[in-house]
């Protein structure tokens, strides 16, 4: 009986520890996202990221959704097809566990007009099957987002 109680206590401690680790990861990711900006200083806060996802990427973000990761070396650079991107954001909806991965990718923008950014189908094709749901690029003061 004593060993059963001990095992139960250990299990509770492990579960509580795992839960707090997850929470801290979310907090760290949010603070990292708040520090993100491009060289011109655009796109540098959580509110801007929310607006990007809601408006340009057409992904629903609710108050219960949260960021679970920010990875600078995980996905693909479309120019070289190597594993790298300047910003990758993972978002999980805790209600159903659905995850959306949005990558800021270098090498898509081909010129100075808004239409140039995501009309490079070859670049988007390279992203297919690499666990990226959406890609975005920042040029000057606007953001363009496309489904990979």
N, C-alpha and C. Protein backbone atom coordinates (compact mmCIF):
# COMPACT_ATOMS: atom_id res chain seq x y z
N UNK A 1 0.84 -1.20 0.00
CA UNK A 1 0.00 0.00 0.00
C UNK A 1 0.88 1.26 0.00
N UNK A 2 1.94 1.19 0.79
CA UNK A 2 2.83 2.35 0.89
C UNK A 2 3.50 2.64 -0.46
N UNK A 3 3.90 1.59 -1.19
CA UNK A 3 4.54 1.80 -2.48
C UNK A 3 3.55 2.39 -3.50
N UNK A 4 2.29 2.00 -3.39
CA UNK A 4 1.26 2.56 -4.28
C UNK A 4 1.12 4.05 -4.01
N UNK A 5 1.07 4.44 -2.73
CA UNK A 5 0.96 5.86 -2.36
C UNK A 5 2.19 6.64 -2.85
N UNK A 6 3.35 6.05 -2.67
CA UNK A 6 4.59 6.71 -3.11
C UNK A 6 4.56 6.91 -4.63
N UNK A 7 4.14 5.89 -5.34
CA UNK A 7 4.08 5.97 -6.80
C UNK A 7 3.10 7.06 -7.23
N UNK A 8 1.98 7.17 -6.52
CA UNK A 8 0.97 8.18 -6.83
C UNK A 8 1.53 9.59 -6.62
N UNK A 9 2.22 9.79 -5.51
CA UNK A 9 2.82 11.09 -5.22
C UNK A 9 3.85 11.46 -6.28
N UNK A 10 4.70 10.50 -6.64
CA UNK A 10 5.72 10.74 -7.66
C UNK A 10 5.07 11.11 -8.99
N UNK A 11 4.02 10.38 -9.36
CA UNK A 11 3.32 10.66 -10.60
C UNK A 11 2.75 12.08 -10.60
N UNK A 12 2.15 12.49 -9.48
CA UNK A 12 1.59 13.84 -9.37
C UNK A 12 2.67 14.91 -9.52
N UNK A 13 3.80 14.67 -8.88
CA UNK A 13 4.91 15.63 -8.97
C UNK A 13 5.41 15.73 -10.40
N UNK A 14 5.53 14.58 -11.08
CA UNK A 14 5.98 14.57 -12.48
C UNK A 14 5.00 15.32 -13.36
N UNK A 15 3.71 15.05 -13.17
CA UNK A 15 2.68 15.71 -13.97
C UNK A 15 2.67 17.22 -13.74
N UNK A 16 2.77 17.63 -12.50
CA UNK A 16 2.78 19.06 -12.16
C UNK A 16 4.03 19.71 -12.75
N UNK A 17 5.16 19.02 -12.65
CA UNK A 17 6.41 19.54 -13.21
C UNK A 17 6.32 19.71 -14.71
N UNK A 18 5.72 18.72 -15.39
CA UNK A 18 5.59 18.78 -16.84
C UNK A 18 4.68 19.93 -17.24
N UNK A 19 3.62 20.13 -16.46
CA UNK A 19 2.68 21.20 -16.77
C UNK A 19 3.34 22.57 -16.62
N UNK A 20 4.08 22.76 -15.55
CA UNK A 20 4.72 24.05 -15.34
C UNK A 20 5.79 24.30 -16.39
N UNK A 21 6.46 23.24 -16.85
CA UNK A 21 7.46 23.39 -17.91
C UNK A 21 6.80 23.87 -19.19
N UNK A 22 5.63 23.34 -19.50
CA UNK A 22 4.90 23.77 -20.69
C UNK A 22 4.52 25.24 -20.59
N UNK A 23 4.03 25.63 -19.43
CA UNK A 23 3.63 27.03 -19.23
C UNK A 23 4.82 27.96 -19.42
N UNK A 24 5.96 27.60 -18.85
CA UNK A 24 7.12 28.48 -18.97
C UNK A 24 7.58 28.56 -20.43
N UNK A 25 7.43 27.47 -21.18
CA UNK A 25 7.81 27.48 -22.58
C UNK A 25 6.94 28.48 -23.35
N UNK A 26 5.65 28.48 -23.05
CA UNK A 26 4.74 29.43 -23.69
C UNK A 26 5.13 30.86 -23.35
N UNK A 27 5.45 31.11 -22.09
CA UNK A 27 5.83 32.45 -21.67
C UNK A 27 7.11 32.90 -22.36
N UNK A 28 8.06 32.01 -22.46
CA UNK A 28 9.32 32.33 -23.13
C UNK A 28 9.07 32.64 -24.60
N UNK A 29 8.25 31.80 -25.23
CA UNK A 29 7.96 32.02 -26.65
C UNK A 29 7.30 33.38 -26.86
N UNK A 30 6.35 33.74 -26.00
CA UNK A 30 5.65 35.01 -26.13
C UNK A 30 6.62 36.18 -25.99
N UNK A 31 7.53 36.09 -25.04
CA UNK A 31 8.49 37.18 -24.85
C UNK A 31 9.45 37.26 -26.03
N UNK A 32 9.81 36.11 -26.60
CA UNK A 32 10.68 36.12 -27.78
C UNK A 32 9.95 36.75 -28.96
N UNK A 33 8.67 36.42 -29.11
CA UNK A 33 7.90 36.98 -30.21
C UNK A 33 7.82 38.49 -30.08
N UNK A 34 7.69 38.97 -28.87
CA UNK A 34 7.58 40.41 -28.64
C UNK A 34 8.85 41.14 -29.07
N UNK A 35 9.96 40.42 -29.10
CA UNK A 35 11.23 41.05 -29.47
C UNK A 35 11.51 40.97 -30.96
N UNK A 36 10.70 40.23 -31.70
CA UNK A 36 10.95 40.05 -33.13
C UNK A 36 10.67 41.34 -33.90
N UNK A 37 11.56 41.72 -34.77
CA UNK A 37 11.28 42.81 -35.71
C UNK A 37 12.25 42.69 -36.87
N UNK A 38 11.87 43.30 -37.98
CA UNK A 38 12.79 43.29 -39.13
C UNK A 38 13.72 44.50 -39.03
N UNK A 39 14.59 44.67 -40.02
CA UNK A 39 15.60 45.71 -39.93
C UNK A 39 14.98 47.12 -39.93
N UNK A 40 13.78 47.24 -40.50
CA UNK A 40 13.12 48.54 -40.53
C UNK A 40 12.31 48.80 -39.26
N UNK A 41 12.25 47.81 -38.36
CA UNK A 41 11.53 47.99 -37.11
C UNK A 41 10.07 47.62 -37.16
N UNK A 42 9.62 47.06 -38.27
CA UNK A 42 8.22 46.64 -38.37
C UNK A 42 8.02 45.29 -37.68
N UNK A 43 6.77 44.97 -37.38
CA UNK A 43 6.40 43.63 -36.92
C UNK A 43 7.13 43.26 -35.64
N UNK A 44 6.96 44.10 -34.62
CA UNK A 44 7.76 43.89 -33.42
C UNK A 44 6.92 43.78 -32.14
N UNK A 45 5.88 42.98 -32.18
CA UNK A 45 5.13 42.77 -30.95
C UNK A 45 4.05 41.74 -31.13
N UNK A 46 3.52 41.24 -30.01
CA UNK A 46 2.50 40.20 -30.05
C UNK A 46 1.25 40.66 -30.80
N UNK A 47 0.85 41.93 -30.61
CA UNK A 47 -0.36 42.42 -31.27
C UNK A 47 -0.20 42.38 -32.78
N UNK A 48 0.98 42.74 -33.27
CA UNK A 48 1.23 42.70 -34.72
C UNK A 48 1.21 41.27 -35.24
N UNK A 49 1.74 40.35 -34.45
CA UNK A 49 1.73 38.94 -34.87
C UNK A 49 0.30 38.42 -34.91
N UNK A 50 -0.51 38.77 -33.90
CA UNK A 50 -1.92 38.38 -33.92
C UNK A 50 -2.61 38.89 -35.17
N UNK A 51 -2.36 40.16 -35.50
CA UNK A 51 -3.01 40.75 -36.68
C UNK A 51 -2.54 40.07 -37.96
N UNK A 52 -1.27 39.75 -38.03
CA UNK A 52 -0.74 39.04 -39.19
C UNK A 52 -1.48 37.73 -39.40
N UNK A 53 -1.61 36.97 -38.31
CA UNK A 53 -2.20 35.64 -38.42
C UNK A 53 -3.69 35.74 -38.73
N UNK A 54 -4.38 36.65 -38.06
CA UNK A 54 -5.82 36.79 -38.28
C UNK A 54 -6.13 37.29 -39.69
N UNK A 55 -5.42 38.33 -40.11
CA UNK A 55 -5.80 39.03 -41.33
C UNK A 55 -5.11 38.50 -42.58
N UNK A 56 -3.78 38.40 -42.54
CA UNK A 56 -3.08 37.99 -43.75
C UNK A 56 -3.07 36.48 -43.93
N UNK A 57 -2.87 35.74 -42.85
CA UNK A 57 -2.79 34.28 -42.98
C UNK A 57 -4.15 33.61 -42.89
N UNK A 58 -5.17 34.38 -42.47
CA UNK A 58 -6.53 33.84 -42.38
C UNK A 58 -6.60 32.64 -41.46
N UNK A 59 -5.88 32.70 -40.34
CA UNK A 59 -5.92 31.65 -39.33
C UNK A 59 -6.60 32.22 -38.10
N UNK A 60 -7.59 31.52 -37.60
CA UNK A 60 -8.33 32.02 -36.44
C UNK A 60 -7.48 31.93 -35.18
N UNK A 61 -7.35 33.05 -34.49
CA UNK A 61 -6.67 33.10 -33.20
C UNK A 61 -7.70 33.56 -32.19
N UNK A 62 -7.88 32.81 -31.14
CA UNK A 62 -8.81 33.21 -30.08
C UNK A 62 -8.03 33.50 -28.82
N UNK A 63 -8.73 34.00 -27.82
CA UNK A 63 -8.06 34.31 -26.55
C UNK A 63 -7.47 33.06 -25.92
N UNK A 64 -8.01 31.89 -26.26
CA UNK A 64 -7.51 30.66 -25.66
C UNK A 64 -6.38 30.03 -26.48
N UNK A 65 -6.09 30.60 -27.64
CA UNK A 65 -4.96 30.09 -28.43
C UNK A 65 -3.67 30.65 -27.85
N UNK A 66 -2.59 29.94 -28.04
CA UNK A 66 -1.33 30.45 -27.51
C UNK A 66 -0.16 29.96 -28.35
N UNK A 67 0.92 30.72 -28.30
CA UNK A 67 2.13 30.36 -29.01
C UNK A 67 2.86 29.30 -28.21
N UNK A 68 3.34 28.27 -28.88
CA UNK A 68 4.09 27.23 -28.16
C UNK A 68 5.54 27.14 -28.59
N UNK A 69 5.92 27.89 -29.60
CA UNK A 69 7.32 27.79 -29.98
C UNK A 69 7.75 28.86 -30.94
N UNK A 70 9.01 29.16 -30.90
CA UNK A 70 9.61 30.05 -31.88
C UNK A 70 10.96 29.45 -32.19
N UNK A 71 11.18 29.07 -33.43
CA UNK A 71 12.40 28.35 -33.77
C UNK A 71 13.06 29.03 -34.95
N UNK A 72 14.33 29.36 -34.81
CA UNK A 72 15.01 30.09 -35.89
C UNK A 72 15.80 29.17 -36.82
N UNK A 73 15.82 27.88 -36.57
CA UNK A 73 16.66 27.00 -37.40
C UNK A 73 15.93 25.72 -37.79
N UNK A 74 14.61 25.73 -37.84
CA UNK A 74 13.92 24.46 -37.98
C UNK A 74 13.42 24.16 -39.39
N UNK A 75 13.03 25.18 -40.16
CA UNK A 75 12.37 24.89 -41.42
C UNK A 75 13.25 25.21 -42.63
N UNK A 76 12.68 25.61 -43.73
CA UNK A 76 13.45 25.59 -44.97
C UNK A 76 13.64 27.00 -45.55
N UNK A 77 14.80 27.27 -46.08
CA UNK A 77 15.10 28.48 -46.82
C UNK A 77 14.80 28.17 -48.28
N UNK A 78 13.82 28.87 -48.85
CA UNK A 78 13.40 28.50 -50.21
C UNK A 78 14.46 28.82 -51.25
N UNK A 79 15.36 29.72 -50.94
CA UNK A 79 16.40 30.07 -51.91
C UNK A 79 17.41 28.93 -52.07
N UNK A 80 17.70 28.26 -50.98
CA UNK A 80 18.73 27.22 -51.02
C UNK A 80 18.16 25.83 -50.76
N UNK A 81 16.88 25.76 -50.37
CA UNK A 81 16.23 24.51 -49.98
C UNK A 81 16.94 23.86 -48.80
N UNK A 82 17.61 24.64 -47.98
CA UNK A 82 18.25 24.13 -46.78
C UNK A 82 17.40 24.45 -45.57
N UNK A 83 17.66 23.76 -44.48
CA UNK A 83 16.82 23.89 -43.30
C UNK A 83 17.18 25.15 -42.53
N UNK A 84 16.43 26.21 -42.79
CA UNK A 84 16.66 27.45 -42.07
C UNK A 84 15.51 28.40 -42.35
N UNK A 85 15.11 29.17 -41.36
CA UNK A 85 14.22 30.28 -41.61
C UNK A 85 14.46 31.32 -40.53
N UNK A 86 14.05 32.55 -40.81
CA UNK A 86 14.36 33.61 -39.85
C UNK A 86 13.40 33.59 -38.67
N UNK A 87 12.18 33.15 -38.86
CA UNK A 87 11.24 33.01 -37.74
C UNK A 87 10.24 31.92 -38.05
N UNK A 88 10.05 30.99 -37.13
CA UNK A 88 9.00 29.99 -37.26
C UNK A 88 8.14 30.04 -36.00
N UNK A 89 6.85 30.16 -36.16
CA UNK A 89 5.94 30.27 -35.03
C UNK A 89 5.02 29.06 -35.02
N UNK A 90 4.95 28.37 -33.90
CA UNK A 90 3.98 27.28 -33.75
C UNK A 90 2.85 27.78 -32.85
N UNK A 91 1.62 27.58 -33.27
CA UNK A 91 0.46 28.00 -32.50
C UNK A 91 -0.44 26.80 -32.28
N UNK A 92 -0.82 26.55 -31.04
CA UNK A 92 -1.68 25.43 -30.73
C UNK A 92 -2.99 25.95 -30.16
N UNK A 93 -4.09 25.41 -30.66
CA UNK A 93 -5.40 25.69 -30.07
C UNK A 93 -5.63 24.66 -28.98
N UNK A 94 -5.62 25.07 -27.70
CA UNK A 94 -5.72 24.10 -26.62
C UNK A 94 -7.07 23.38 -26.58
N UNK A 95 -8.08 23.93 -27.24
CA UNK A 95 -9.39 23.28 -27.23
C UNK A 95 -9.37 21.97 -28.00
N UNK A 96 -8.61 21.93 -29.09
CA UNK A 96 -8.62 20.71 -29.91
C UNK A 96 -7.22 20.19 -30.24
N UNK A 97 -6.18 20.90 -29.80
CA UNK A 97 -4.83 20.45 -30.04
C UNK A 97 -4.31 20.73 -31.44
N UNK A 98 -5.12 21.39 -32.28
CA UNK A 98 -4.66 21.68 -33.64
C UNK A 98 -3.48 22.65 -33.61
N UNK A 99 -2.47 22.35 -34.41
CA UNK A 99 -1.27 23.19 -34.46
C UNK A 99 -1.14 23.82 -35.84
N UNK A 100 -0.83 25.10 -35.84
CA UNK A 100 -0.55 25.81 -37.07
C UNK A 100 0.89 26.30 -37.01
N UNK A 101 1.66 26.05 -38.05
CA UNK A 101 3.04 26.51 -38.10
C UNK A 101 3.16 27.56 -39.20
N UNK A 102 3.65 28.73 -38.80
CA UNK A 102 3.81 29.82 -39.74
C UNK A 102 5.29 30.17 -39.79
N UNK A 103 5.86 30.23 -40.98
CA UNK A 103 7.29 30.48 -41.12
C UNK A 103 7.52 31.78 -41.87
N UNK A 104 8.38 32.61 -41.30
CA UNK A 104 8.90 33.76 -42.06
C UNK A 104 10.09 33.23 -42.84
N UNK A 105 10.01 33.28 -44.16
CA UNK A 105 11.00 32.59 -44.96
C UNK A 105 11.79 33.59 -45.80
N UNK A 106 13.10 33.42 -45.83
CA UNK A 106 13.91 34.26 -46.70
C UNK A 106 13.96 33.65 -48.09
N UNK A 107 14.05 34.49 -49.10
CA UNK A 107 14.20 34.00 -50.45
C UNK A 107 12.94 34.02 -51.28
N UNK A 108 11.80 34.43 -50.70
CA UNK A 108 10.57 34.46 -51.48
C UNK A 108 10.41 35.78 -52.22
N UNK A 109 10.72 36.88 -51.56
CA UNK A 109 10.50 38.19 -52.15
C UNK A 109 11.42 38.38 -53.35
N UNK A 110 10.83 38.73 -54.47
CA UNK A 110 11.60 38.84 -55.72
C UNK A 110 11.69 40.27 -56.24
N UNK A 111 11.04 41.21 -55.59
CA UNK A 111 11.08 42.56 -56.13
C UNK A 111 10.38 43.55 -55.23
N UNK A 112 10.09 44.71 -55.75
CA UNK A 112 9.63 45.82 -54.92
C UNK A 112 8.13 45.99 -54.85
N UNK A 113 7.35 45.11 -55.45
CA UNK A 113 5.90 45.30 -55.38
C UNK A 113 5.28 44.20 -54.55
N UNK A 114 4.14 44.51 -53.95
CA UNK A 114 3.49 43.56 -53.05
C UNK A 114 3.16 42.25 -53.76
N UNK A 115 2.75 42.31 -55.02
CA UNK A 115 2.36 41.10 -55.74
C UNK A 115 3.54 40.16 -55.98
N UNK A 116 4.74 40.69 -55.98
CA UNK A 116 5.91 39.85 -56.27
C UNK A 116 6.16 38.82 -55.18
N UNK A 117 5.71 39.10 -53.95
CA UNK A 117 6.22 38.34 -52.82
C UNK A 117 5.79 36.87 -52.85
N UNK A 118 4.50 36.62 -53.01
CA UNK A 118 4.06 35.24 -52.93
C UNK A 118 3.53 34.68 -54.24
N UNK A 119 3.94 35.27 -55.35
CA UNK A 119 3.56 34.70 -56.64
C UNK A 119 4.65 33.79 -57.20
N UNK A 120 5.65 33.52 -56.39
CA UNK A 120 6.72 32.61 -56.80
C UNK A 120 6.30 31.19 -56.43
N UNK A 121 5.61 30.54 -57.36
CA UNK A 121 5.05 29.21 -57.07
C UNK A 121 6.14 28.18 -56.81
N UNK A 122 7.27 28.33 -57.48
CA UNK A 122 8.37 27.38 -57.26
C UNK A 122 8.84 27.43 -55.82
N UNK A 123 8.90 28.63 -55.26
CA UNK A 123 9.33 28.78 -53.88
C UNK A 123 8.32 28.13 -52.93
N UNK A 124 7.03 28.34 -53.19
CA UNK A 124 6.01 27.74 -52.32
C UNK A 124 6.01 26.23 -52.46
N UNK A 125 6.26 25.72 -53.66
CA UNK A 125 6.29 24.28 -53.88
C UNK A 125 7.39 23.63 -53.04
N UNK A 126 8.52 24.31 -52.90
CA UNK A 126 9.61 23.77 -52.09
C UNK A 126 9.20 23.61 -50.63
N UNK A 127 8.22 24.40 -50.20
CA UNK A 127 7.79 24.33 -48.80
C UNK A 127 6.80 23.20 -48.55
N UNK A 128 6.20 22.67 -49.59
CA UNK A 128 5.16 21.65 -49.43
C UNK A 128 5.72 20.42 -48.73
N UNK A 129 4.96 19.89 -47.79
CA UNK A 129 5.35 18.67 -47.09
C UNK A 129 6.42 18.88 -46.04
N UNK A 130 6.68 20.11 -45.65
CA UNK A 130 7.71 20.37 -44.66
C UNK A 130 7.11 20.88 -43.35
N UNK A 131 5.89 20.51 -43.06
CA UNK A 131 5.21 20.87 -41.82
C UNK A 131 4.98 22.37 -41.68
N UNK A 132 4.98 23.10 -42.77
CA UNK A 132 4.69 24.52 -42.73
C UNK A 132 3.29 24.74 -43.28
N UNK A 133 2.44 25.40 -42.50
CA UNK A 133 1.08 25.66 -42.95
C UNK A 133 0.99 26.96 -43.75
N UNK A 134 1.68 27.98 -43.27
CA UNK A 134 1.68 29.28 -43.94
C UNK A 134 3.09 29.83 -43.95
N UNK A 135 3.37 30.69 -44.92
CA UNK A 135 4.63 31.40 -44.93
C UNK A 135 4.34 32.90 -45.02
N UNK A 136 5.23 33.71 -44.50
CA UNK A 136 5.06 35.14 -44.64
C UNK A 136 6.41 35.79 -44.88
N UNK A 137 6.34 36.98 -45.47
CA UNK A 137 7.54 37.76 -45.72
C UNK A 137 7.20 39.22 -45.42
N UNK A 138 8.18 39.97 -44.98
CA UNK A 138 7.98 41.38 -44.64
C UNK A 138 8.81 42.23 -45.59
N UNK A 139 8.16 43.16 -46.25
CA UNK A 139 8.88 44.12 -47.09
C UNK A 139 8.35 45.50 -46.76
N UNK A 140 9.22 46.37 -46.33
CA UNK A 140 8.85 47.71 -45.91
C UNK A 140 7.76 47.66 -44.84
N UNK A 141 6.59 48.25 -45.11
CA UNK A 141 5.63 48.42 -44.02
C UNK A 141 4.42 47.50 -44.12
N UNK A 142 4.44 46.52 -44.99
CA UNK A 142 3.29 45.62 -45.08
C UNK A 142 3.75 44.17 -44.96
N UNK A 143 2.79 43.31 -44.70
CA UNK A 143 3.06 41.88 -44.56
C UNK A 143 2.20 41.14 -45.56
N UNK A 144 2.79 40.16 -46.21
CA UNK A 144 2.05 39.31 -47.14
C UNK A 144 2.17 37.88 -46.64
N UNK A 145 1.08 37.14 -46.71
CA UNK A 145 1.10 35.77 -46.21
C UNK A 145 0.44 34.85 -47.22
N UNK A 146 0.97 33.66 -47.37
CA UNK A 146 0.40 32.70 -48.33
C UNK A 146 0.42 31.30 -47.74
N UNK A 147 -0.55 30.50 -48.16
CA UNK A 147 -0.60 29.11 -47.72
C UNK A 147 0.41 28.31 -48.53
N UNK A 148 1.24 27.55 -47.84
CA UNK A 148 2.27 26.76 -48.55
C UNK A 148 1.65 25.56 -49.23
